[in-house]
Protein backbone atom coordinates (compact mmCIF):
# COMPACT_ATOMS: atom_id res chain seq x y z
CA MET A 1 53.01 6.21 -7.93
CA PHE A 2 53.46 9.18 -5.28
CA ASN A 3 56.52 12.16 -5.76
CA ASN A 4 57.65 11.91 -2.57
CA ASN A 5 56.25 11.14 1.03
CA GLN A 6 54.72 14.70 1.34
CA ASP A 7 52.18 13.90 -1.32
CA MET A 8 51.21 10.97 0.34
CA SER A 9 51.12 12.27 3.74
CA THR A 10 48.60 14.98 1.93
CA ILE A 11 46.82 12.15 0.26
CA VAL A 12 46.23 10.63 3.51
CA SER A 13 45.14 13.60 5.39
CA VAL A 14 42.46 14.15 2.52
CA PHE A 15 40.93 10.80 2.92
CA SER A 16 41.08 11.07 6.71
CA ALA A 17 39.15 13.96 6.51
CA LEU A 18 36.49 12.79 4.03
CA PHE A 19 36.40 9.90 6.09
CA CYS A 20 35.98 11.87 9.57
CA VAL A 21 33.16 13.91 7.65
CA LEU A 22 31.04 10.93 6.55
CA LEU A 23 31.36 9.29 10.08
CA ALA A 24 30.27 12.73 11.44
CA GLN A 25 27.50 12.90 9.10
CA SER A 26 26.19 9.31 10.22
CA SER A 27 26.64 9.82 13.70
CA LEU A 28 24.13 12.42 13.71
CA CYS A 29 21.45 9.76 13.20
CA ASN A 30 23.07 7.03 15.49
CA GLY A 31 21.15 6.60 18.59
CA SER A 32 18.20 8.54 17.29
CA LYS A 33 14.84 7.85 18.94
CA ILE A 34 12.27 6.61 16.64
CA LEU A 35 8.66 6.36 17.66
CA VAL A 36 6.76 3.54 15.63
CA VAL A 37 2.96 2.76 15.32
CA PRO A 38 2.52 -0.06 12.93
CA VAL A 39 -0.55 -1.83 11.68
CA ASP A 40 -0.81 -5.57 12.71
CA GLY A 41 -1.08 -8.55 10.34
CA SER A 42 0.83 -8.60 6.85
CA HIS A 43 1.46 -4.84 7.31
CA TRP A 44 3.75 -5.91 10.70
CA ILE A 45 6.03 -8.17 8.46
CA ASN A 46 7.17 -5.03 6.31
CA MET A 47 7.54 -2.85 9.25
CA LYS A 48 9.29 -5.29 11.47
CA ILE A 49 12.28 -5.76 8.34
CA ILE A 50 12.68 -1.80 8.54
CA LEU A 51 13.06 -2.02 12.07
CA GLU A 52 15.59 -4.55 12.12
CA GLU A 53 17.82 -2.54 10.18
CA LEU A 54 17.20 0.57 11.93
CA HIS A 55 18.21 -1.17 15.39
CA ALA A 56 21.41 -2.71 13.53
CA ARG A 57 22.52 0.78 12.68
CA GLY A 58 21.98 1.77 16.57
CA HIS A 59 18.53 3.38 16.81
CA GLU A 60 16.45 3.56 19.92
CA ILE A 61 12.89 2.21 18.64
CA THR A 62 9.89 2.30 20.76
CA VAL A 63 6.67 0.35 19.11
CA MET A 64 3.57 1.31 20.15
CA ARG A 65 1.25 -1.69 20.12
CA SER A 66 -2.32 -3.06 20.60
CA ALA A 67 -2.36 -4.90 24.00
CA LYS A 68 -3.87 -7.67 22.24
CA SER A 69 -1.82 -7.60 18.88
CA TRP A 70 -2.13 -11.02 16.69
CA PHE A 71 1.40 -10.63 15.67
CA ILE A 72 3.45 -8.06 17.15
CA PRO A 73 5.39 -9.37 20.26
CA SER A 74 5.08 -7.39 23.57
CA THR A 75 8.85 -8.22 23.90
CA SER A 76 11.69 -7.63 21.55
CA PRO A 77 15.69 -7.41 21.30
CA ILE A 78 14.94 -4.96 18.98
CA TYR A 79 12.36 -2.51 20.48
CA THR A 80 10.75 -1.57 23.51
CA SER A 81 6.98 -1.48 23.33
CA ILE A 82 4.34 0.52 24.75
CA ASN A 83 0.82 -1.51 24.84
CA VAL A 84 -2.37 0.37 24.43
CA THR A 85 -6.19 -0.24 23.10
CA MET A 86 -5.97 0.01 19.28
CA PHE A 87 -8.60 -1.11 16.91
CA GLU A 88 -7.39 -4.42 16.77
CA ASP A 89 -8.76 -5.51 20.38
CA ASP A 90 -12.18 -5.35 18.90
CA ALA A 91 -11.19 -7.04 15.59
CA ASP A 92 -11.90 -10.68 15.09
CA ARG A 93 -10.63 -13.03 12.43
CA ASP A 94 -14.20 -13.68 12.03
CA PHE A 95 -15.27 -9.83 10.68
CA TYR A 96 -12.95 -11.11 7.67
CA ILE A 97 -14.30 -14.24 6.95
CA LYS A 98 -17.89 -12.65 7.13
CA MET A 99 -16.44 -9.92 4.66
CA LEU A 100 -15.07 -12.60 2.26
CA LYS A 101 -18.35 -14.03 1.69
CA ASP A 102 -19.82 -11.10 1.31
CA VAL A 103 -17.34 -9.88 -1.42
CA MET A 104 -18.14 -13.08 -2.89
CA ASP A 105 -21.76 -12.36 -3.45
CA ARG A 106 -20.78 -9.05 -4.94
CA ARG A 107 -18.78 -11.14 -7.41
CA SER A 108 -21.96 -12.44 -9.00
CA TYR A 109 -23.16 -9.30 -10.07
CA PRO A 110 -22.22 -7.82 -13.47
CA ASN A 111 -18.97 -6.87 -14.48
CA PHE A 112 -19.60 -2.86 -14.77
CA ILE A 113 -21.00 -2.53 -11.10
CA ARG A 114 -19.73 -5.34 -9.14
CA THR A 115 -16.39 -3.21 -8.19
CA LEU A 116 -18.61 -0.48 -7.41
CA TYR A 117 -20.71 -2.22 -5.06
CA GLN A 118 -17.75 -4.10 -3.62
CA GLN A 119 -15.89 -0.88 -2.86
CA HIS A 120 -19.32 0.37 -1.09
CA LEU A 121 -19.45 -2.60 1.02
CA LEU A 122 -15.80 -2.41 2.03
CA THR A 123 -16.04 1.22 3.08
CA SER A 124 -19.52 0.55 4.83
CA GLU A 125 -17.88 -2.29 6.68
CA ILE A 126 -14.78 -0.26 7.67
CA GLY A 127 -16.88 3.21 8.07
CA ASP A 128 -17.79 2.04 11.76
CA GLY A 129 -14.13 0.97 12.11
CA HIS A 130 -13.36 4.83 11.69
CA LYS A 131 -15.52 5.72 14.59
CA ILE A 132 -13.90 2.85 17.03
CA LEU A 133 -10.25 4.52 15.71
CA ALA A 134 -11.46 7.91 16.50
CA LYS A 135 -12.61 7.04 20.22
CA PHE A 136 -9.54 5.25 21.01
CA ALA A 137 -7.12 7.92 19.20
CA ALA A 138 -9.00 10.19 21.76
CA LYS A 139 -8.62 7.99 24.63
CA ILE A 140 -4.79 7.78 23.97
CA ILE A 141 -4.55 11.57 23.47
CA GLU A 142 -6.60 12.24 26.94
CA ASP A 143 -4.14 9.64 28.93
CA THR A 144 -2.11 12.77 30.23
CA GLU A 145 0.46 10.43 31.89
CA LEU A 146 1.18 8.30 28.37
CA ILE A 147 1.10 11.58 26.37
CA LYS A 148 3.67 13.10 28.82
CA ARG A 149 6.06 9.86 28.68
CA LEU A 150 6.01 10.26 24.99
CA GLN A 151 6.69 13.94 25.12
CA ASP A 152 9.82 13.60 27.76
CA THR A 153 11.32 10.94 25.62
CA LYS A 154 11.72 13.42 22.64
CA PHE A 155 11.39 11.25 19.91
CA ASP A 156 13.33 12.41 16.78
CA ILE A 157 10.55 11.01 14.18
CA ILE A 158 7.72 8.84 14.23
CA LEU A 159 7.34 6.23 11.78
CA THR A 160 4.10 4.91 11.11
CA ASP A 161 1.97 2.98 8.56
CA PRO A 162 -1.13 5.02 7.68
CA ALA A 163 -3.54 2.40 6.74
CA LEU A 164 -5.08 2.51 10.40
CA THR A 165 -5.04 6.30 11.28
CA LEU A 166 -3.82 6.40 15.08
CA GLY A 167 0.07 6.83 14.07
CA VAL A 168 -0.83 9.87 12.00
CA ILE A 169 -3.08 11.50 14.57
CA LEU A 170 -0.70 10.65 17.30
CA GLY A 171 2.14 12.36 15.36
CA SER A 172 0.40 15.40 14.41
CA TYR A 173 -0.75 15.52 17.96
CA LEU A 174 2.80 15.17 19.43
CA LYS A 175 4.28 17.47 16.66
CA LEU A 176 6.69 14.97 15.51
CA PRO A 177 8.25 14.60 11.57
CA MET A 178 6.10 11.99 10.35
CA VAL A 179 7.62 9.39 7.83
CA PHE A 180 5.32 6.69 6.56
CA ASN A 181 5.52 3.02 5.61
CA VAL A 182 2.55 3.02 3.33
CA ARG A 183 0.94 1.60 0.39
CA TRP A 184 -2.90 1.86 1.54
CA MET A 185 -4.63 4.45 3.18
CA ASN A 186 -8.37 5.10 4.04
CA LEU A 187 -10.03 4.08 0.83
CA GLY A 188 -7.37 3.02 -1.54
CA GLU A 189 -3.70 3.41 -2.88
CA GLY A 190 -1.78 6.18 -1.01
CA HIS A 191 -1.26 7.95 -4.26
CA LEU A 192 -4.91 8.98 -4.20
CA ALA A 193 -4.73 10.87 -1.18
CA MET A 194 -1.45 13.22 -2.30
CA ALA A 195 -0.59 13.22 -6.09
CA PRO A 196 -2.79 14.26 -9.08
CA THR A 197 -4.49 11.43 -10.50
CA PRO A 198 -6.18 11.87 -14.09
CA VAL A 199 -8.92 9.10 -14.09
CA SER A 200 -8.23 8.91 -17.92
CA TYR A 201 -5.36 6.73 -17.44
CA VAL A 202 -4.63 6.30 -13.86
CA PRO A 203 -7.25 3.56 -12.61
CA VAL A 204 -8.50 4.19 -9.06
CA SER A 205 -8.08 1.44 -6.39
CA GLY A 206 -10.72 -1.11 -6.25
CA SER A 207 -11.83 -0.53 -10.36
CA GLU A 208 -9.92 -3.56 -11.51
CA LEU A 209 -9.02 -1.63 -14.67
CA PRO A 210 -5.84 -1.10 -16.70
CA ASP A 211 -4.16 2.14 -17.34
CA GLN A 212 -5.31 1.85 -21.06
CA MET A 213 -9.19 2.08 -20.96
CA ASP A 214 -11.74 2.40 -23.34
CA PHE A 215 -14.75 4.82 -23.00
CA PRO A 216 -16.78 2.74 -20.62
CA GLU A 217 -14.13 1.98 -18.88
CA ARG A 218 -13.17 5.71 -18.21
CA ILE A 219 -16.76 5.99 -17.39
CA LYS A 220 -16.35 3.02 -14.22
CA ASN A 221 -12.99 5.00 -13.37
CA MET A 222 -14.82 8.07 -13.11
CA LEU A 223 -17.44 6.41 -10.85
CA HIS A 224 -14.74 4.97 -8.47
CA TYR A 225 -13.34 8.19 -8.06
CA LEU A 226 -16.30 9.90 -7.38
CA LEU A 227 -17.53 7.28 -4.99
CA ASN A 228 -13.75 7.88 -2.94
CA VAL A 229 -14.45 11.57 -2.54
CA TYR A 230 -17.81 10.90 -1.32
CA GLU A 231 -16.87 8.46 0.88
CA GLN A 232 -13.82 10.38 2.28
CA TYR A 233 -15.70 13.54 2.84
CA PHE A 234 -19.20 12.37 4.23
CA ILE A 235 -18.27 8.83 5.64
CA ILE A 236 -14.72 9.01 6.92
CA ASN A 237 -13.82 12.71 8.01
CA PRO A 238 -17.01 12.77 10.05
CA ALA A 239 -16.36 10.08 12.10
CA TYR A 240 -13.00 12.31 13.56
CA SER A 241 -14.81 15.59 13.59
CA GLU A 242 -15.22 15.46 17.24
CA LEU A 243 -11.76 14.65 17.89
CA PHE A 244 -10.45 17.41 15.69
CA GLN A 245 -12.65 19.96 17.46
CA LYS A 246 -11.53 19.31 20.69
CA HIS A 247 -7.37 18.54 20.42
CA PHE A 248 -6.78 20.11 16.91
CA PRO A 249 -6.42 23.60 15.25
CA PRO A 250 -9.95 24.46 13.20
CA GLY A 251 -9.95 23.38 9.52
CA THR A 252 -8.13 19.94 10.54
CA ASP A 253 -9.32 17.09 8.87
CA MET A 254 -7.81 13.38 8.25
CA ILE A 255 -6.55 14.44 4.75
CA SER A 256 -4.58 17.52 6.17
CA LEU A 257 -2.79 15.30 8.89
CA GLU A 258 -1.85 12.53 6.37
CA LEU A 259 -0.58 15.26 3.79
CA SER A 260 1.70 16.66 6.76
CA ALA A 261 3.98 13.73 6.49
CA GLU A 262 7.86 14.41 5.74
CA ILE A 263 8.50 11.45 3.60
CA TRP A 264 6.32 8.53 2.06
CA LEU A 265 8.16 5.49 1.90
CA PHE A 266 5.78 4.01 -0.81
CA ARG A 267 5.73 0.15 -0.77
CA ALA A 268 5.47 0.04 -4.66
CA ASP A 269 7.85 -0.08 -7.89
CA PHE A 270 6.79 0.97 -11.39
CA VAL A 271 8.10 -2.47 -12.76
CA PHE A 272 4.38 -3.53 -10.65
CA GLU A 273 2.42 -0.28 -10.65
CA PHE A 274 1.31 1.42 -13.70
CA PRO A 275 2.94 4.59 -14.34
CA ARG A 276 1.31 7.70 -13.01
CA PRO A 277 1.79 11.23 -11.43
CA THR A 278 4.05 11.30 -8.28
CA MET A 279 5.29 13.86 -5.86
CA PRO A 280 9.10 14.99 -4.48
CA ASN A 281 8.60 13.49 -1.15
CA VAL A 282 7.53 10.05 -2.31
CA VAL A 283 10.15 7.40 -2.25
CA TYR A 284 9.67 4.01 -3.91
CA ILE A 285 10.74 1.08 -1.92
CA GLY A 286 8.63 -1.68 -3.32
CA GLY A 287 10.00 -5.29 -2.79
CA PHE A 288 12.46 -3.70 0.16
CA GLN A 289 11.52 -7.23 2.04
CA CYS A 290 12.73 -9.70 -0.68
CA LYS A 291 15.96 -11.16 -0.04
CA GLU A 292 17.90 -14.15 -1.77
CA ALA A 293 16.52 -17.40 -0.67
CA GLU A 294 18.25 -19.37 1.88
CA PRO A 295 18.47 -23.29 2.44
CA LEU A 296 15.22 -25.14 3.32
CA PRO A 297 14.73 -27.48 6.40
CA ASP A 298 16.00 -30.95 5.18
CA ASP A 299 12.49 -32.75 4.97
CA LEU A 300 11.27 -29.96 2.74
CA GLU A 301 14.67 -29.91 0.65
CA GLU A 302 13.89 -33.55 0.36
CA PHE A 303 10.43 -32.84 -1.06
CA MET A 304 11.55 -30.36 -3.45
CA GLN A 305 13.98 -32.80 -5.15
CA SER A 306 11.78 -35.47 -5.30
CA SER A 307 9.77 -33.38 -7.69
CA GLY A 308 12.42 -34.22 -10.24
CA GLU A 309 12.11 -32.38 -13.85
CA HIS A 310 8.61 -31.37 -13.52
CA GLY A 311 9.20 -29.31 -10.18
CA VAL A 312 6.55 -28.05 -7.68
CA VAL A 313 3.61 -25.81 -7.29
CA LEU A 314 3.13 -23.69 -4.05
CA MET A 315 0.10 -22.54 -2.64
CA SER A 316 -0.88 -20.04 -0.11
CA LEU A 317 -3.98 -17.94 0.35
CA GLY A 318 -3.07 -16.22 3.60
CA THR A 319 -5.02 -16.75 6.81
CA LEU A 320 -8.36 -16.82 5.15
CA VAL A 321 -8.14 -19.89 3.55
CA SER A 322 -10.13 -21.93 5.88
CA ALA A 323 -12.84 -19.64 5.32
CA LEU A 324 -13.22 -20.89 1.47
CA PRO A 325 -16.38 -23.12 0.72
CA SER A 326 -15.76 -26.58 1.29
CA ASP A 327 -16.73 -27.21 -2.74
CA ILE A 328 -14.02 -24.94 -3.68
CA THR A 329 -11.23 -26.68 -1.48
CA GLU A 330 -12.46 -29.83 -2.64
CA ALA A 331 -12.18 -28.82 -6.40
CA ILE A 332 -8.42 -27.42 -5.86
CA ALA A 333 -7.55 -30.28 -4.54
CA ALA A 334 -8.66 -32.66 -7.12
CA ALA A 335 -7.13 -30.52 -9.60
CA PHE A 336 -3.45 -30.56 -7.75
CA ALA A 337 -3.74 -34.18 -7.81
CA GLU A 338 -4.04 -34.67 -11.68
CA LEU A 339 -0.43 -32.52 -12.02
CA PRO A 340 2.68 -34.36 -12.67
CA GLN A 341 4.45 -31.84 -10.47
CA LYS A 342 4.49 -31.84 -6.24
CA VAL A 343 2.49 -29.39 -4.73
CA ILE A 344 2.92 -27.81 -1.29
CA TRP A 345 -0.10 -26.41 0.04
CA ARG A 346 -0.28 -23.67 2.86
CA THR A 347 -3.77 -24.26 4.43
CA LEU A 348 -5.40 -23.66 7.95
CA GLY A 349 -8.30 -25.61 6.81
CA ASP A 350 -9.36 -29.44 7.23
CA GLU A 351 -7.78 -32.05 4.93
CA PRO A 352 -9.81 -32.44 1.60
CA SER A 353 -11.13 -35.81 0.78
CA SER A 354 -10.00 -35.42 -2.97
CA LEU A 355 -6.01 -34.37 -1.67
CA GLY A 356 -3.92 -36.42 -3.85
CA ASN A 357 -0.52 -38.23 -2.75
CA ASN A 358 1.55 -35.39 -4.68
CA THR A 359 0.45 -32.82 -2.33
CA ARG A 360 1.43 -31.90 0.89
CA LEU A 361 -0.46 -29.50 3.61
CA VAL A 362 1.38 -27.69 5.66
CA GLU A 363 0.32 -24.86 8.32
CA TRP A 364 3.20 -22.75 7.40
CA PHE A 365 6.28 -22.40 5.27
CA PRO A 366 9.43 -20.35 4.47
CA GLN A 367 8.02 -18.67 1.28
CA LYS A 368 10.60 -16.30 0.10
CA ASP A 369 12.75 -19.47 0.50
CA LEU A 370 10.51 -21.58 -1.38
CA LEU A 371 9.93 -19.47 -4.06
CA GLY A 372 13.68 -18.61 -4.73
CA HIS A 373 14.14 -22.58 -5.01
CA PRO A 374 14.82 -23.82 -8.72
CA LYS A 375 12.50 -26.50 -8.33
CA THR A 376 9.53 -24.05 -8.08
CA ARG A 377 7.54 -23.61 -11.16
CA LEU A 378 4.20 -21.69 -9.98
CA PHE A 379 2.84 -19.61 -7.53
CA VAL A 380 -0.89 -20.09 -6.49
CA ALA A 381 -1.64 -16.88 -4.56
CA HIS A 382 -4.41 -14.40 -3.32
CA GLY A 383 -2.53 -11.30 -4.48
CA GLY A 384 -0.99 -9.82 -1.36
CA THR A 385 1.48 -7.31 -1.91
CA ASN A 386 4.15 -9.22 0.16
CA GLY A 387 3.87 -12.30 -2.04
CA MET A 388 3.38 -10.44 -5.56
CA TYR A 389 6.78 -8.75 -5.18
CA GLU A 390 8.74 -11.96 -3.77
CA ALA A 391 7.23 -13.64 -7.06
CA ILE A 392 8.51 -10.91 -9.09
CA TYR A 393 11.71 -10.79 -7.39
CA HIS A 394 12.48 -14.68 -7.86
CA GLY A 395 10.95 -14.69 -10.87
CA VAL A 396 7.86 -17.06 -10.46
CA PRO A 397 4.54 -16.93 -12.64
CA VAL A 398 1.37 -16.79 -10.52
CA LEU A 399 -2.37 -17.77 -10.48
CA GLY A 400 -4.36 -15.67 -8.80
CA LEU A 401 -7.25 -16.14 -6.54
CA PRO A 402 -8.12 -12.69 -5.16
CA LEU A 403 -10.14 -12.71 -1.94
CA LEU A 404 -10.26 -9.34 -0.73
CA PHE A 405 -8.78 -5.60 -0.69
CA ASP A 406 -6.10 -4.82 -3.21
CA GLN A 407 -5.67 -8.25 -4.22
CA PHE A 408 -7.91 -8.00 -7.55
CA ASP A 409 -5.92 -5.12 -8.45
CA ASN A 410 -2.72 -6.52 -7.56
CA LEU A 411 -3.06 -9.46 -9.65
CA LEU A 412 -4.56 -7.50 -12.48
CA ARG A 413 -1.19 -5.73 -12.53
CA LEU A 414 0.89 -8.84 -13.28
CA LYS A 415 -2.00 -10.17 -15.50
CA VAL A 416 -1.71 -7.42 -18.01
CA ARG A 417 2.16 -7.67 -17.80
CA GLY A 418 1.81 -11.53 -19.17
CA ALA A 419 3.02 -12.89 -15.62
CA ALA A 420 -0.23 -14.45 -14.29
CA ARG A 421 -3.45 -15.39 -14.77
CA VAL A 422 -6.64 -14.66 -12.68
CA GLU A 423 -9.19 -17.13 -11.71
CA GLU A 424 -12.88 -16.04 -9.42
CA VAL A 425 -12.89 -18.25 -6.40
CA ARG A 426 -16.70 -18.09 -6.87
CA THR A 427 -16.98 -19.84 -9.95
CA LEU A 428 -14.05 -21.93 -9.36
CA THR A 429 -14.19 -25.49 -10.57
CA LYS A 430 -11.90 -28.84 -10.98
CA ASP A 431 -11.86 -28.28 -14.71
CA SER A 432 -11.21 -24.55 -14.81
CA PHE A 433 -8.57 -24.71 -12.14
CA LEU A 434 -6.53 -27.50 -13.86
CA GLU A 435 -6.69 -25.60 -17.34
CA ALA A 436 -5.37 -22.64 -15.95
CA LEU A 437 -2.57 -24.49 -13.92
CA LYS A 438 -1.57 -26.19 -17.48
CA ASP A 439 -1.60 -23.29 -19.02
CA ILE A 440 0.72 -21.64 -16.88
CA LEU A 441 2.88 -24.41 -16.47
CA GLU A 442 3.46 -25.42 -19.96
CA ASN A 443 3.20 -22.08 -21.63
CA PRO A 444 6.81 -20.39 -21.55
CA SER A 445 5.36 -16.73 -22.03
CA TYR A 446 4.28 -16.63 -18.45
CA GLN A 447 7.94 -17.69 -17.28
CA ASN A 448 9.53 -15.53 -19.72
CA ASN A 449 7.67 -12.39 -18.77
CA ILE A 450 7.86 -12.58 -14.72
CA GLN A 451 11.80 -13.43 -15.52
CA HIS A 452 12.02 -10.16 -17.31
CA LEU A 453 9.89 -8.17 -14.56
CA SER A 454 12.27 -9.74 -11.98
CA GLN A 455 15.16 -8.62 -14.13
CA LEU A 456 13.88 -4.89 -14.26
CA HIS A 457 13.14 -5.06 -10.56
CA ARG A 458 16.74 -5.70 -9.47
CA ASP A 459 18.20 -3.60 -11.93
CA GLN A 460 18.44 -0.79 -9.55
CA PRO A 461 21.20 1.63 -8.47
CA MET A 462 20.45 1.38 -4.61
CA SER A 463 18.54 -1.48 -3.13
CA PRO A 464 14.85 -0.50 -1.89
CA MET A 465 15.91 -1.30 1.63
CA ASP A 466 19.19 1.11 1.58
CA THR A 467 16.89 3.76 -0.13
CA ALA A 468 14.33 3.43 2.72
CA ILE A 469 16.80 3.60 5.76
CA PHE A 470 18.70 6.51 4.07
CA TRP A 471 15.26 8.70 4.07
CA ILE A 472 14.52 7.94 7.36
CA GLU A 473 18.05 8.84 8.53
CA TYR A 474 17.54 11.81 6.00
CA VAL A 475 14.37 13.16 8.02
CA ILE A 476 16.25 12.82 11.45
CA ARG A 477 19.32 14.68 10.17
CA ASN A 478 17.20 17.60 9.19
CA LYS A 479 14.72 17.32 11.26
CA GLY A 480 12.05 17.08 8.53
CA ALA A 481 11.70 17.60 4.55
CA ALA A 482 9.68 20.33 4.10
CA HIS A 483 11.53 21.22 0.76
CA LEU A 484 10.17 18.60 -0.73
CA LYS A 485 6.12 19.20 0.09
CA PRO A 486 4.32 20.71 -2.40
CA ALA A 487 2.41 23.99 -1.63
CA GLY A 488 -0.71 22.09 -2.80
CA PHE A 489 -0.97 20.19 0.11
CA SER A 490 -1.48 23.33 2.24
CA LEU A 491 -4.08 24.66 -0.20
CA PRO A 492 -8.06 24.12 0.48
CA TRP A 493 -9.78 21.95 -2.18
CA TYR A 494 -11.58 24.93 -4.02
CA SER A 495 -7.79 26.69 -4.36
CA TYR A 496 -6.29 23.33 -5.39
CA PHE A 497 -8.61 22.99 -8.28
CA CYS A 498 -9.04 26.62 -8.86
CA LEU A 499 -12.65 26.71 -8.37
CA ASP A 500 -12.14 30.13 -7.00
CA VAL A 501 -10.19 31.45 -10.12
CA ALA A 502 -12.77 29.80 -12.38
CA ALA A 503 -16.07 31.47 -10.26
CA PHE A 504 -13.91 34.95 -10.56
CA LEU A 505 -13.38 34.39 -14.21
CA LEU A 506 -17.19 33.67 -14.72
CA ALA A 507 -18.24 36.40 -12.70
CA ILE A 508 -15.77 38.91 -14.70
CA THR A 509 -17.25 37.42 -17.88
CA GLY A 510 -20.75 37.46 -16.85
CA THR A 511 -20.19 41.11 -15.85
CA PHE A 512 -18.86 42.28 -19.35
CA ILE A 513 -21.45 40.20 -20.89
CA MET A 514 -24.28 41.69 -18.91
CA GLY A 515 -22.54 45.43 -18.88
CA SER A 516 -22.54 44.65 -23.02
CA VAL A 517 -25.96 44.13 -22.92
CA PHE A 518 -27.02 47.04 -21.02
CA VAL A 519 -24.96 49.33 -23.37
CA PHE A 520 -26.51 47.95 -26.11
CA ARG A 521 -30.04 47.96 -25.01
CA PHE A 522 -29.50 51.48 -23.64
CA PHE A 523 -28.25 52.74 -27.14
CA CYS A 524 -30.81 50.97 -28.88
CA CYS A 525 -33.45 52.15 -26.62
CA ARG A 526 -32.14 56.11 -27.13
CA LYS A 527 -32.35 55.58 -30.65
CA SER A 528 -35.64 54.32 -30.80
CA ASN A 529 -36.62 57.06 -28.56
CA LYS A 530 -35.21 59.64 -31.03
CA LYS A 531 -36.96 57.97 -33.95
CA LEU A 532 -40.38 58.06 -32.50
CA LYS A 533 -40.01 61.50 -31.62
CA ALA A 534 -38.75 62.50 -35.35
CA GLU A 535 -42.29 61.04 -36.43
């Protein structure tokens, strides 16, 4: 194969040099110091998976967490923690239960306006939260001992979830390169804050619209867009004005801080999302948390196998299931009891009196492992992003019971693609729920459509997790990614929309028209004067 030993030696030298170059490039990131400001709850599940991979690659991780966090441990083998007072310290799960009831009331409104009322409700509920966030952000910034500790650590980047604003404010104040682990921000999907959004075919968050809209739907979409603009500039931004005036350069607002992020790791995939304009510093990692199913505990595996050819239905509505009215819970249980399938129902509520022998109640189950089990036939879910991507990854059709936030839009996306049905919780009855269950279980189109989405989602040159880690380390290696940020991010809003150009052109046009009228009147008057003198 080789002509002589010299040729062999040359080739070995080349490969050795190449290996050394790759090793040296990789070593530039190993041991980097990363400050992480996460969001509690289901958002932490996403962040933790990324942190585990970063730790495995040798990075030193510090997590800033709420002293009273629900899900983020104070001690961990993969990170050290800094405990501070955050928004969650004043949060209570009863707040979300009340919000759920308020949203269900709004669902009784006519279809055209109910999403507008629902969006305004959520913003008004969260509006006070931004004032609390601003207060605690100021408290952290004014803690000179903490800030000095953070500055002395010399972090390479800050990784944060901008669904809450503390990480964005802190990262900007410390002048650290920011990487977002993002899907949701102040008012909706992150795209709305940083990418062009033609409302003619891009549904605004909360509108519950598809990308193919008729004229009334486009009117509704425009109203949602204008409502978002109003709420951002007149409700959210003013909550931080005192903080920005005291600690940041003039002209700073929340949008300008958010747009300063180097890379947006976007928890989305266009297999699931509607196609839309985007930006070069957006990296799509939808489904990065999904993994192949692992073996189940013996008791669960025995239950799955006992279902025979009928299979198993899974149900999980997250931690808010106990807030559902008892009559709806009874209707769900009664419908399940009439199925030939076995049912595993994750619930925190009381056992319904109509519970059938085929249904097993649990407080927790390994969701991804159950969704990947060959006996699973259907997933009854509230529409959280994590669950939707796991359903797509494992090819399990969905019966959606949306409750809050993005869940309505998420389930609509699967419904439009023929992989889900959506039922209104407020009007749910035993018969309507049973009909929906049987439709999905007996109609093969749902299974075929979700399997097609699964195939598309998996057909990628690089896994979403590897993509996320590459771009985090890319920012560390290059100390930012300014070359990927569009110039439009730094433009004032009137320049971005060319309103100054339009005003200039209108002024020129108006001046020309007025000048023409003046000249015309001048010559007409002069001609008239000559005619009068001649007479």
